[in-house]
Amino acid sequence: SGLTDLLKTGFSMFMKVNRPHPGDHPLVIIFMVGGVSVSEVK
């Protein structure tokens, strides 16, 4: 998402560029298809 990430992904085909890690971002969104319990959210 965004130009910087797109360039990193594109250059990774030609050079050794680490892909962005999901933990790099200050906001992570997880969507559970089929349901989630309150204890799982905790």
PDB file of all heavy atoms in Angstrom:
ATOM      1  N   SER A   1       0.871  -1.174   0.000  1.00  0.00           N
ATOM      2  CA  SER A   1       0.000   0.000   0.000  1.00  0.00           C
ATOM      3  C   SER A   1       0.909   1.226   0.000  1.00  0.00           C
ATOM      4  O   SER A   1       1.793   1.351   0.838  1.00  0.00           O
ATOM      5  CB  SER A   1      -0.904  -0.002   1.225  1.00  0.00           C
ATOM      6  OG  SER A   1      -0.143   0.115   2.400  1.00  0.00           O
ATOM      7  N   GLY A   2       0.729   2.055  -0.938  1.00  0.00           N
ATOM      8  CA  GLY A   2       1.565   3.240  -1.020  1.00  0.00           C
ATOM      9  C   GLY A   2       2.731   3.023  -1.962  1.00  0.00           C
ATOM     10  O   GLY A   2       3.126   1.900  -2.264  1.00  0.00           O
ATOM     11  N   LEU A   3       3.313   4.112  -2.396  1.00  0.00           N
ATOM     12  CA  LEU A   3       4.386   4.069  -3.383  1.00  0.00           C
ATOM     13  C   LEU A   3       5.653   3.427  -2.834  1.00  0.00           C
ATOM     14  O   LEU A   3       6.298   2.636  -3.522  1.00  0.00           O
ATOM     15  CB  LEU A   3       4.682   5.492  -3.881  1.00  0.00           C
ATOM     16  CG  LEU A   3       5.707   5.604  -5.001  1.00  0.00           C
ATOM     17  CD1 LEU A   3       5.250   4.810  -6.219  1.00  0.00           C
ATOM     18  CD2 LEU A   3       5.942   7.053  -5.361  1.00  0.00           C
ATOM     19  N   THR A   4       6.013   3.728  -1.582  1.00  0.00           N
ATOM     20  CA  THR A   4       7.244   3.175  -1.006  1.00  0.00           C
ATOM     21  C   THR A   4       7.195   1.659  -0.951  1.00  0.00           C
ATOM     22  O   THR A   4       8.140   0.976  -1.349  1.00  0.00           O
ATOM     23  CB  THR A   4       7.473   3.741   0.409  1.00  0.00           C
ATOM     24  OG1 THR A   4       7.451   5.166   0.330  1.00  0.00           O
ATOM     25  CG2 THR A   4       8.793   3.284   0.978  1.00  0.00           C
ATOM     26  N   ASP A   5       6.077   1.104  -0.426  1.00  0.00           N
ATOM     27  CA  ASP A   5       5.945  -0.347  -0.346  1.00  0.00           C
ATOM     28  C   ASP A   5       5.925  -0.979  -1.733  1.00  0.00           C
ATOM     29  O   ASP A   5       6.483  -2.050  -1.947  1.00  0.00           O
ATOM     30  CB  ASP A   5       4.671  -0.739   0.412  1.00  0.00           C
ATOM     31  CG  ASP A   5       4.801  -0.525   1.908  1.00  0.00           C
ATOM     32  OD1 ASP A   5       5.940  -0.355   2.385  1.00  0.00           O
ATOM     33  OD2 ASP A   5       3.760  -0.527   2.590  1.00  0.00           O
ATOM     34  N   LEU A   6       5.284  -0.321  -2.676  1.00  0.00           N
ATOM     35  CA  LEU A   6       5.219  -0.849  -4.033  1.00  0.00           C
ATOM     36  C   LEU A   6       6.615  -0.899  -4.659  1.00  0.00           C
ATOM     37  O   LEU A   6       6.974  -1.878  -5.309  1.00  0.00           O
ATOM     38  CB  LEU A   6       4.284   0.006  -4.885  1.00  0.00           C
ATOM     39  CG  LEU A   6       3.956  -0.511  -6.272  1.00  0.00           C
ATOM     40  CD1 LEU A   6       3.316  -1.889  -6.190  1.00  0.00           C
ATOM     41  CD2 LEU A   6       3.045   0.447  -6.995  1.00  0.00           C
ATOM     42  N   LEU A   7       7.424   0.136  -4.440  1.00  0.00           N
ATOM     43  CA  LEU A   7       8.782   0.143  -4.967  1.00  0.00           C
ATOM     44  C   LEU A   7       9.637  -0.939  -4.323  1.00  0.00           C
ATOM     45  O   LEU A   7      10.409  -1.614  -5.001  1.00  0.00           O
ATOM     46  CB  LEU A   7       9.430   1.511  -4.768  1.00  0.00           C
ATOM     47  CG  LEU A   7       8.887   2.628  -5.669  1.00  0.00           C
ATOM     48  CD1 LEU A   7       9.475   3.971  -5.271  1.00  0.00           C
ATOM     49  CD2 LEU A   7       9.166   2.322  -7.125  1.00  0.00           C
ATOM     50  N   LYS A   8       9.507  -1.127  -2.986  1.00  0.00           N
ATOM     51  CA  LYS A   8      10.262  -2.181  -2.304  1.00  0.00           C
ATOM     52  C   LYS A   8       9.907  -3.546  -2.873  1.00  0.00           C
ATOM     53  O   LYS A   8      10.776  -4.378  -3.117  1.00  0.00           O
ATOM     54  CB  LYS A   8       9.966  -2.174  -0.798  1.00  0.00           C
ATOM     55  CG  LYS A   8      10.678  -1.115  -0.026  1.00  0.00           C
ATOM     56  CD  LYS A   8      10.355  -1.279   1.446  1.00  0.00           C
ATOM     57  CE  LYS A   8      10.963  -0.195   2.285  1.00  0.00           C
ATOM     58  NZ  LYS A   8      10.591  -0.331   3.694  1.00  0.00           N
ATOM     59  N   THR A   9       8.613  -3.785  -3.080  1.00  0.00           N
ATOM     60  CA  THR A   9       8.174  -5.061  -3.621  1.00  0.00           C
ATOM     61  C   THR A   9       8.697  -5.251  -5.035  1.00  0.00           C
ATOM     62  O   THR A   9       9.162  -6.324  -5.399  1.00  0.00           O
ATOM     63  CB  THR A   9       6.635  -5.153  -3.614  1.00  0.00           C
ATOM     64  OG1 THR A   9       6.167  -4.896  -2.294  1.00  0.00           O
ATOM     65  CG2 THR A   9       6.148  -6.505  -4.056  1.00  0.00           C
ATOM     66  N   GLY A  10       8.671  -4.203  -5.858  1.00  0.00           N
ATOM     67  CA  GLY A  10       9.163  -4.302  -7.226  1.00  0.00           C
ATOM     68  C   GLY A  10      10.654  -4.528  -7.306  1.00  0.00           C
ATOM     69  O   GLY A  10      11.136  -5.348  -8.082  1.00  0.00           O
ATOM     70  N   PHE A  11      11.428  -3.816  -6.467  1.00  0.00           N
ATOM     71  CA  PHE A  11      12.880  -3.979  -6.474  1.00  0.00           C
ATOM     72  C   PHE A  11      13.311  -5.320  -5.902  1.00  0.00           C
ATOM     73  O   PHE A  11      14.410  -5.789  -6.176  1.00  0.00           O
ATOM     74  CB  PHE A  11      13.566  -2.850  -5.703  1.00  0.00           C
ATOM     75  CG  PHE A  11      13.657  -1.573  -6.486  1.00  0.00           C
ATOM     76  CD1 PHE A  11      13.094  -0.413  -5.991  1.00  0.00           C
ATOM     77  CD2 PHE A  11      14.300  -1.532  -7.710  1.00  0.00           C
ATOM     78  CE1 PHE A  11      13.167   0.768  -6.707  1.00  0.00           C
ATOM     79  CE2 PHE A  11      14.384  -0.365  -8.435  1.00  0.00           C
ATOM     80  CZ  PHE A  11      13.805   0.797  -7.932  1.00  0.00           C
ATOM     81  N   SER A  12      12.456  -5.950  -5.106  1.00  0.00           N
ATOM     82  CA  SER A  12      12.840  -7.228  -4.506  1.00  0.00           C
ATOM     83  C   SER A  12      13.017  -8.312  -5.566  1.00  0.00           C
ATOM     84  O   SER A  12      13.669  -9.316  -5.319  1.00  0.00           O
ATOM     85  CB  SER A  12      11.804  -7.673  -3.471  1.00  0.00           C
ATOM     86  OG  SER A  12      10.580  -7.993  -4.102  1.00  0.00           O
ATOM     87  N   MET A  13      12.489  -8.098  -6.774  1.00  0.00           N
ATOM     88  CA  MET A  13      12.684  -9.072  -7.848  1.00  0.00           C
ATOM     89  C   MET A  13      14.119  -9.022  -8.372  1.00  0.00           C
ATOM     90  O   MET A  13      14.642 -10.008  -8.840  1.00  0.00           O
ATOM     91  CB  MET A  13      11.710  -8.800  -8.996  1.00  0.00           C
ATOM     92  CG  MET A  13      10.281  -9.156  -8.662  1.00  0.00           C
ATOM     93  SD  MET A  13       9.219  -8.999 -10.101  1.00  0.00           S
ATOM     94  CE  MET A  13       8.641  -7.326  -9.898  1.00  0.00           C
ATOM     95  N   PHE A  14      14.751  -7.849  -8.283  1.00  0.00           N
ATOM     96  CA  PHE A  14      16.086  -7.668  -8.842  1.00  0.00           C
ATOM     97  C   PHE A  14      17.182  -7.631  -7.791  1.00  0.00           C
ATOM     98  O   PHE A  14      18.321  -7.980  -8.060  1.00  0.00           O
ATOM     99  CB  PHE A  14      16.143  -6.366  -9.653  1.00  0.00           C
ATOM    100  CG  PHE A  14      15.076  -6.284 -10.696  1.00  0.00           C
ATOM    101  CD1 PHE A  14      14.011  -5.415 -10.551  1.00  0.00           C
ATOM    102  CD2 PHE A  14      15.119  -7.093 -11.824  1.00  0.00           C
ATOM    103  CE1 PHE A  14      13.026  -5.335 -11.521  1.00  0.00           C
ATOM    104  CE2 PHE A  14      14.137  -7.017 -12.794  1.00  0.00           C
ATOM    105  CZ  PHE A  14      13.091  -6.144 -12.643  1.00  0.00           C
ATOM    106  N   MET A  15      16.859  -7.178  -6.602  1.00  0.00           N
ATOM    107  CA  MET A  15      17.855  -6.999  -5.542  1.00  0.00           C
ATOM    108  C   MET A  15      17.367  -7.678  -4.264  1.00  0.00           C
ATOM    109  O   MET A  15      16.201  -8.008  -4.136  1.00  0.00           O
ATOM    110  CB  MET A  15      18.066  -5.495  -5.267  1.00  0.00           C
ATOM    111  CG  MET A  15      18.491  -4.713  -6.484  1.00  0.00           C
ATOM    112  SD  MET A  15      18.348  -2.929  -6.285  1.00  0.00           S
ATOM    113  CE  MET A  15      18.982  -2.607  -4.696  1.00  0.00           C
ATOM    114  N   LYS A  16      18.282  -7.848  -3.345  1.00  0.00           N
ATOM    115  CA  LYS A  16      17.925  -8.443  -2.056  1.00  0.00           C
ATOM    116  C   LYS A  16      17.322  -7.339  -1.175  1.00  0.00           C
ATOM    117  O   LYS A  16      18.021  -6.611  -0.479  1.00  0.00           O
ATOM    118  CB  LYS A  16      19.157  -9.063  -1.391  1.00  0.00           C
ATOM    119  CG  LYS A  16      18.900  -9.662  -0.038  1.00  0.00           C
ATOM    120  CD  LYS A  16      17.940 -10.824  -0.127  1.00  0.00           C
ATOM    121  CE  LYS A  16      17.743 -11.417   1.251  1.00  0.00           C
ATOM    122  NZ  LYS A  16      16.484 -12.048   1.414  1.00  0.00           N
ATOM    123  N   VAL A  17      16.019  -7.182  -1.259  1.00  0.00           N
ATOM    124  CA  VAL A  17      15.304  -6.197  -0.451  1.00  0.00           C
ATOM    125  C   VAL A  17      14.320  -6.971   0.419  1.00  0.00           C
ATOM    126  O   VAL A  17      13.545  -7.789  -0.085  1.00  0.00           O
ATOM    127  CB  VAL A  17      14.540  -5.199  -1.357  1.00  0.00           C
ATOM    128  CG1 VAL A  17      13.719  -4.240  -0.529  1.00  0.00           C
ATOM    129  CG2 VAL A  17      15.504  -4.454  -2.248  1.00  0.00           C
ATOM    130  N   ASN A  18      14.388  -6.727   1.709  1.00  0.00           N
ATOM    131  CA  ASN A  18      13.454  -7.406   2.605  1.00  0.00           C
ATOM    132  C   ASN A  18      12.047  -6.876   2.391  1.00  0.00           C
ATOM    133  O   ASN A  18      11.830  -5.665   2.317  1.00  0.00           O
ATOM    134  CB  ASN A  18      13.856  -7.185   4.071  1.00  0.00           C
ATOM    135  CG  ASN A  18      15.108  -7.948   4.412  1.00  0.00           C
ATOM    136  OD1 ASN A  18      15.465  -8.911   3.745  1.00  0.00           O
ATOM    137  ND2 ASN A  18      15.780  -7.510   5.463  1.00  0.00           N
ATOM    138  N   ARG A  19      11.134  -7.815   2.295  1.00  0.00           N
ATOM    139  CA  ARG A  19       9.737  -7.411   2.190  1.00  0.00           C
ATOM    140  C   ARG A  19       9.303  -6.821   3.525  1.00  0.00           C
ATOM    141  O   ARG A  19       9.823  -7.195   4.575  1.00  0.00           O
ATOM    142  CB  ARG A  19       8.852  -8.614   1.872  1.00  0.00           C
ATOM    143  CG  ARG A  19       9.093  -9.198   0.511  1.00  0.00           C
ATOM    144  CD  ARG A  19       8.156 -10.337   0.222  1.00  0.00           C
ATOM    145  NE  ARG A  19       8.239 -11.335   1.301  1.00  0.00           N
ATOM    146  CZ  ARG A  19       7.358 -12.282   1.503  1.00  0.00           C
ATOM    147  NH1 ARG A  19       6.301 -12.371   0.751  1.00  0.00           N
ATOM    148  NH2 ARG A  19       7.499 -13.152   2.470  1.00  0.00           N
ATOM    149  N   PRO A  20       8.342  -5.924   3.515  1.00  0.00           N
ATOM    150  CA  PRO A  20       7.851  -5.383   4.781  1.00  0.00           C
ATOM    151  C   PRO A  20       7.259  -6.508   5.638  1.00  0.00           C
ATOM    152  O   PRO A  20       6.658  -7.449   5.122  1.00  0.00           O
ATOM    153  CB  PRO A  20       6.772  -4.399   4.355  1.00  0.00           C
ATOM    154  CG  PRO A  20       7.067  -4.086   2.932  1.00  0.00           C
ATOM    155  CD  PRO A  20       7.711  -5.307   2.358  1.00  0.00           C
ATOM    156  N   HIS A  21       7.470  -6.416   6.928  1.00  0.00           N
ATOM    157  CA  HIS A  21       6.954  -7.401   7.879  1.00  0.00           C
ATOM    158  C   HIS A  21       5.659  -6.837   8.471  1.00  0.00           C
ATOM    159  O   HIS A  21       5.577  -5.631   8.737  1.00  0.00           O
ATOM    160  CB  HIS A  21       7.994  -7.644   8.978  1.00  0.00           C
ATOM    161  CG  HIS A  21       7.684  -8.810   9.835  1.00  0.00           C
ATOM    162  ND1 HIS A  21       6.810  -8.738  10.888  1.00  0.00           N
ATOM    163  CD2 HIS A  21       8.125 -10.084   9.802  1.00  0.00           C
ATOM    164  CE1 HIS A  21       6.731  -9.918  11.474  1.00  0.00           C
ATOM    165  NE2 HIS A  21       7.517 -10.746  10.827  1.00  0.00           N
ATOM    166  N   PRO A  22       4.632  -7.665   8.679  1.00  0.00           N
ATOM    167  CA  PRO A  22       3.380  -7.146   9.243  1.00  0.00           C
ATOM    168  C   PRO A  22       3.570  -6.450  10.589  1.00  0.00           C
ATOM    169  O   PRO A  22       2.845  -5.529  10.921  1.00  0.00           O
ATOM    170  CB  PRO A  22       2.508  -8.388   9.406  1.00  0.00           C
ATOM    171  CG  PRO A  22       3.081  -9.398   8.495  1.00  0.00           C
ATOM    172  CD  PRO A  22       4.532  -9.091   8.368  1.00  0.00           C
ATOM    173  N   GLY A  23       4.571  -6.868  11.351  1.00  0.00           N
ATOM    174  CA  GLY A  23       4.824  -6.256  12.646  1.00  0.00           C
ATOM    175  C   GLY A  23       5.470  -4.888  12.561  1.00  0.00           C
ATOM    176  O   GLY A  23       5.636  -4.213  13.584  1.00  0.00           O
ATOM    177  N   ASP A  24       5.861  -4.442  11.351  1.00  0.00           N
ATOM    178  CA  ASP A  24       6.480  -3.130  11.183  1.00  0.00           C
ATOM    179  C   ASP A  24       5.476  -1.997  11.354  1.00  0.00           C
ATOM    180  O   ASP A  24       5.855  -0.862  11.601  1.00  0.00           O
ATOM    181  CB  ASP A  24       7.098  -2.996   9.784  1.00  0.00           C
ATOM    182  CG  ASP A  24       8.307  -3.894   9.600  1.00  0.00           C
ATOM    183  OD1 ASP A  24       8.874  -4.342  10.618  1.00  0.00           O
ATOM    184  OD2 ASP A  24       8.673  -4.151   8.445  1.00  0.00           O
ATOM    185  N   HIS A  25       4.244  -2.288  11.193  1.00  0.00           N
ATOM    186  CA  HIS A  25       3.227  -1.249  11.179  1.00  0.00           C
ATOM    187  C   HIS A  25       2.619  -1.050  12.570  1.00  0.00           C
ATOM    188  O   HIS A  25       2.479  -2.001  13.326  1.00  0.00           O
ATOM    189  CB  HIS A  25       2.128  -1.607  10.172  1.00  0.00           C
ATOM    190  CG  HIS A  25       2.671  -1.789   8.786  1.00  0.00           C
ATOM    191  ND1 HIS A  25       2.981  -0.732   7.985  1.00  0.00           N
ATOM    192  CD2 HIS A  25       3.005  -2.900   8.096  1.00  0.00           C
ATOM    193  CE1 HIS A  25       3.466  -1.183   6.837  1.00  0.00           C
ATOM    194  NE2 HIS A  25       3.494  -2.499   6.875  1.00  0.00           N
ATOM    195  N   PRO A  26       2.241   0.181  12.890  1.00  0.00           N
ATOM    196  CA  PRO A  26       1.661   0.453  14.209  1.00  0.00           C
ATOM    197  C   PRO A  26       0.213  -0.028  14.337  1.00  0.00           C
ATOM    198  O   PRO A  26      -0.324  -0.088  15.429  1.00  0.00           O
ATOM    199  CB  PRO A  26       1.741   1.970  14.329  1.00  0.00           C
ATOM    200  CG  PRO A  26       1.759   2.470  12.930  1.00  0.00           C
ATOM    201  CD  PRO A  26       2.442   1.409  12.110  1.00  0.00           C
ATOM    202  N   LEU A  27      -0.407  -0.387  13.208  1.00  0.00           N
ATOM    203  CA  LEU A  27      -1.780  -0.870  13.220  1.00  0.00           C
ATOM    204  C   LEU A  27      -1.859  -2.169  12.429  1.00  0.00           C
ATOM    205  O   LEU A  27      -1.460  -2.224  11.271  1.00  0.00           O
ATOM    206  CB  LEU A  27      -2.732   0.157  12.594  1.00  0.00           C
ATOM    207  CG  LEU A  27      -4.178  -0.282  12.407  1.00  0.00           C
ATOM    208  CD1 LEU A  27      -4.849  -0.533  13.753  1.00  0.00           C
ATOM    209  CD2 LEU A  27      -4.952   0.758  11.613  1.00  0.00           C
ATOM    210  N   VAL A  28      -2.358  -3.225  13.063  1.00  0.00           N
ATOM    211  CA  VAL A  28      -2.546  -4.519  12.406  1.00  0.00           C
ATOM    212  C   VAL A  28      -4.023  -4.868  12.492  1.00  0.00           C
ATOM    213  O   VAL A  28      -4.620  -4.807  13.570  1.00  0.00           O
ATOM    214  CB  VAL A  28      -1.700  -5.621  13.086  1.00  0.00           C
ATOM    215  CG1 VAL A  28      -1.966  -6.973  12.450  1.00  0.00           C
ATOM    216  CG2 VAL A  28      -0.220  -5.278  13.014  1.00  0.00           C
ATOM    217  N   ILE A  29      -4.611  -5.209  11.356  1.00  0.00           N
ATOM    218  CA  ILE A  29      -6.020  -5.596  11.312  1.00  0.00           C
ATOM    219  C   ILE A  29      -6.100  -7.069  10.970  1.00  0.00           C
ATOM    220  O   ILE A  29      -5.548  -7.517   9.967  1.00  0.00           O
ATOM    221  CB  ILE A  29      -6.800  -4.755  10.275  1.00  0.00           C
ATOM    222  CG1 ILE A  29      -6.713  -3.271  10.632  1.00  0.00           C
ATOM    223  CG2 ILE A  29      -8.244  -5.228  10.190  1.00  0.00           C
ATOM    224  CD1 ILE A  29      -7.289  -2.347   9.589  1.00  0.00           C
ATOM    225  N   ILE A  30      -6.794  -7.830  11.825  1.00  0.00           N
ATOM    226  CA  ILE A  30      -6.980  -9.270  11.612  1.00  0.00           C
ATOM    227  C   ILE A  30      -8.474  -9.511  11.457  1.00  0.00           C
ATOM    228  O   ILE A  30      -9.267  -9.112  12.308  1.00  0.00           O
ATOM    229  CB  ILE A  30      -6.441 -10.083  12.810  1.00  0.00           C
ATOM    230  CG1 ILE A  30      -4.945  -9.852  12.979  1.00  0.00           C
ATOM    231  CG2 ILE A  30      -6.747 -11.561  12.625  1.00  0.00           C
ATOM    232  CD1 ILE A  30      -4.370 -10.464  14.248  1.00  0.00           C
ATOM    233  N   PHE A  31      -8.847 -10.173  10.357  1.00  0.00           N
ATOM    234  CA  PHE A  31     -10.250 -10.528  10.137  1.00  0.00           C
ATOM    235  C   PHE A  31     -10.379 -12.045  10.162  1.00  0.00           C
ATOM    236  O   PHE A  31      -9.729 -12.739   9.387  1.00  0.00           O
ATOM    237  CB  PHE A  31     -10.763  -9.992   8.790  1.00  0.00           C
ATOM    238  CG  PHE A  31     -12.237 -10.210   8.618  1.00  0.00           C
ATOM    239  CD1 PHE A  31     -13.138  -9.306   9.142  1.00  0.00           C
ATOM    240  CD2 PHE A  31     -12.714 -11.337   7.978  1.00  0.00           C
ATOM    241  CE1 PHE A  31     -14.503  -9.509   9.007  1.00  0.00           C
ATOM    242  CE2 PHE A  31     -14.070 -11.554   7.838  1.00  0.00           C
ATOM    243  CZ  PHE A  31     -14.977 -10.634   8.353  1.00  0.00           C
ATOM    244  N   MET A  32     -11.201 -12.547  11.062  1.00  0.00           N
ATOM    245  CA  MET A  32     -11.414 -13.990  11.218  1.00  0.00           C
ATOM    246  C   MET A  32     -12.733 -14.375  10.563  1.00  0.00           C
ATOM    247  O   MET A  32     -13.800 -14.010  11.065  1.00  0.00           O
ATOM    248  CB  MET A  32     -11.439 -14.382  12.697  1.00  0.00           C
ATOM    249  CG  MET A  32     -10.129 -14.176  13.420  1.00  0.00           C
ATOM    250  SD  MET A  32      -8.826 -15.254  12.852  1.00  0.00           S
ATOM    251  CE  MET A  32      -9.422 -16.835  13.377  1.00  0.00           C
ATOM    252  N   VAL A  33     -12.646 -15.107   9.471  1.00  0.00           N
ATOM    253  CA  VAL A  33     -13.845 -15.610   8.811  1.00  0.00           C
ATOM    254  C   VAL A  33     -14.334 -16.810   9.610  1.00  0.00           C
ATOM    255  O   VAL A  33     -13.548 -17.687   9.960  1.00  0.00           O
ATOM    256  CB  VAL A  33     -13.536 -16.025   7.351  1.00  0.00           C
ATOM    257  CG1 VAL A  33     -14.748 -16.669   6.701  1.00  0.00           C
ATOM    258  CG2 VAL A  33     -13.059 -14.834   6.548  1.00  0.00           C
ATOM    259  N   GLY A  34     -15.601 -16.842   9.922  1.00  0.00           N
ATOM    260  CA  GLY A  34     -16.168 -17.973  10.647  1.00  0.00           C
ATOM    261  C   GLY A  34     -16.366 -17.716  12.119  1.00  0.00           C
ATOM    262  O   GLY A  34     -17.022 -18.477  12.799  1.00  0.00           O
ATOM    263  N   GLY A  35     -15.806 -16.648  12.630  1.00  0.00           N
ATOM    264  CA  GLY A  35     -16.063 -16.293  14.014  1.00  0.00           C
ATOM    265  C   GLY A  35     -14.839 -16.275  14.890  1.00  0.00           C
ATOM    266  O   GLY A  35     -13.830 -16.906  14.601  1.00  0.00           O
ATOM    267  N   VAL A  36     -14.951 -15.519  15.962  1.00  0.00           N
ATOM    268  CA  VAL A  36     -13.905 -15.402  16.965  1.00  0.00           C
ATOM    269  C   VAL A  36     -14.594 -15.311  18.324  1.00  0.00           C
ATOM    270  O   VAL A  36     -15.685 -14.767  18.439  1.00  0.00           O
ATOM    271  CB  VAL A  36     -13.003 -14.172  16.685  1.00  0.00           C
ATOM    272  CG1 VAL A  36     -13.739 -12.870  16.855  1.00  0.00           C
ATOM    273  CG2 VAL A  36     -11.773 -14.190  17.550  1.00  0.00           C
ATOM    274  N   SER A  37     -13.948 -15.892  19.326  1.00  0.00           N
ATOM    275  CA  SER A  37     -14.524 -15.847  20.671  1.00  0.00           C
ATOM    276  C   SER A  37     -13.919 -14.696  21.465  1.00  0.00           C
ATOM    277  O   SER A  37     -12.853 -14.172  21.111  1.00  0.00           O
ATOM    278  CB  SER A  37     -14.292 -17.171  21.402  1.00  0.00           C
ATOM    279  OG  SER A  37     -12.919 -17.329  21.670  1.00  0.00           O
ATOM    280  N   VAL A  38     -14.575 -14.329  22.550  1.00  0.00           N
ATOM    281  CA  VAL A  38     -14.084 -13.256  23.402  1.00  0.00           C
ATOM    282  C   VAL A  38     -12.719 -13.639  23.987  1.00  0.00           C
ATOM    283  O   VAL A  38     -11.816 -12.805  24.078  1.00  0.00           O
ATOM    284  CB  VAL A  38     -15.102 -12.949  24.521  1.00  0.00           C
ATOM    285  CG1 VAL A  38     -14.543 -11.954  25.527  1.00  0.00           C
ATOM    286  CG2 VAL A  38     -16.398 -12.425  23.930  1.00  0.00           C
ATOM    287  N   SER A  39     -12.543 -14.905  24.353  1.00  0.00           N
ATOM    288  CA  SER A  39     -11.265 -15.337  24.926  1.00  0.00           C
ATOM    289  C   SER A  39     -10.137 -15.240  23.899  1.00  0.00           C
ATOM    290  O   SER A  39      -8.998 -14.936  24.256  1.00  0.00           O
ATOM    291  CB  SER A  39     -11.369 -16.761  25.478  1.00  0.00           C
ATOM    292  OG  SER A  39     -11.672 -17.676  24.459  1.00  0.00           O
ATOM    293  N   GLU A  40     -10.432 -15.469  22.615  1.00  0.00           N
ATOM    294  CA  GLU A  40      -9.410 -15.321  21.578  1.00  0.00           C
ATOM    295  C   GLU A  40      -9.009 -13.858  21.406  1.00  0.00           C
ATOM    296  O   GLU A  40      -7.833 -13.544  21.239  1.00  0.00           O
ATOM    297  CB  GLU A  40      -9.902 -15.889  20.251  1.00  0.00           C
ATOM    298  CG  GLU A  40      -9.993 -17.389  20.223  1.00  0.00           C
ATOM    299  CD  GLU A  40     -10.613 -17.914  18.944  1.00  0.00           C
ATOM    300  OE1 GLU A  40     -11.654 -17.382  18.510  1.00  0.00           O
ATOM    301  OE2 GLU A  40     -10.028 -18.854  18.376  1.00  0.00           O
ATOM    302  N   VAL A  41      -9.969 -12.960  21.484  1.00  0.00           N
ATOM    303  CA  VAL A  41      -9.670 -11.530  21.363  1.00  0.00           C
ATOM    304  C   VAL A  41      -8.817 -11.086  22.552  1.00  0.00           C
ATOM    305  O   VAL A  41      -7.846 -10.347  22.390  1.00  0.00           O
ATOM    306  CB  VAL A  41     -10.968 -10.700  21.276  1.00  0.00           C
ATOM    307  CG1 VAL A  41     -10.673  -9.212  21.317  1.00  0.00           C
ATOM    308  CG2 VAL A  41     -11.732 -11.041  20.002  1.00  0.00           C
ATOM    309  N   LYS A  42      -9.131 -11.562  23.753  1.00  0.00           N
ATOM    310  CA  LYS A  42      -8.328 -11.226  24.939  1.00  0.00           C
ATOM    311  C   LYS A  42      -6.908 -11.786  24.802  1.00  0.00           C
ATOM    312  O   LYS A  42      -5.935 -11.121  25.153  1.00  0.00           O
ATOM    313  CB  LYS A  42      -8.971 -11.756  26.207  1.00  0.00           C
ATOM    314  CG  LYS A  42      -8.163 -11.394  27.451  1.00  0.00           C
ATOM    315  CD  LYS A  42      -8.851 -11.764  28.716  1.00  0.00           C
ATOM    316  CE  LYS A  42      -8.084 -11.444  29.974  1.00  0.00           C
ATOM    317  NZ  LYS A  42      -6.767 -10.957  29.898  1.00  0.00           N
TER     318      LYS A  42
END
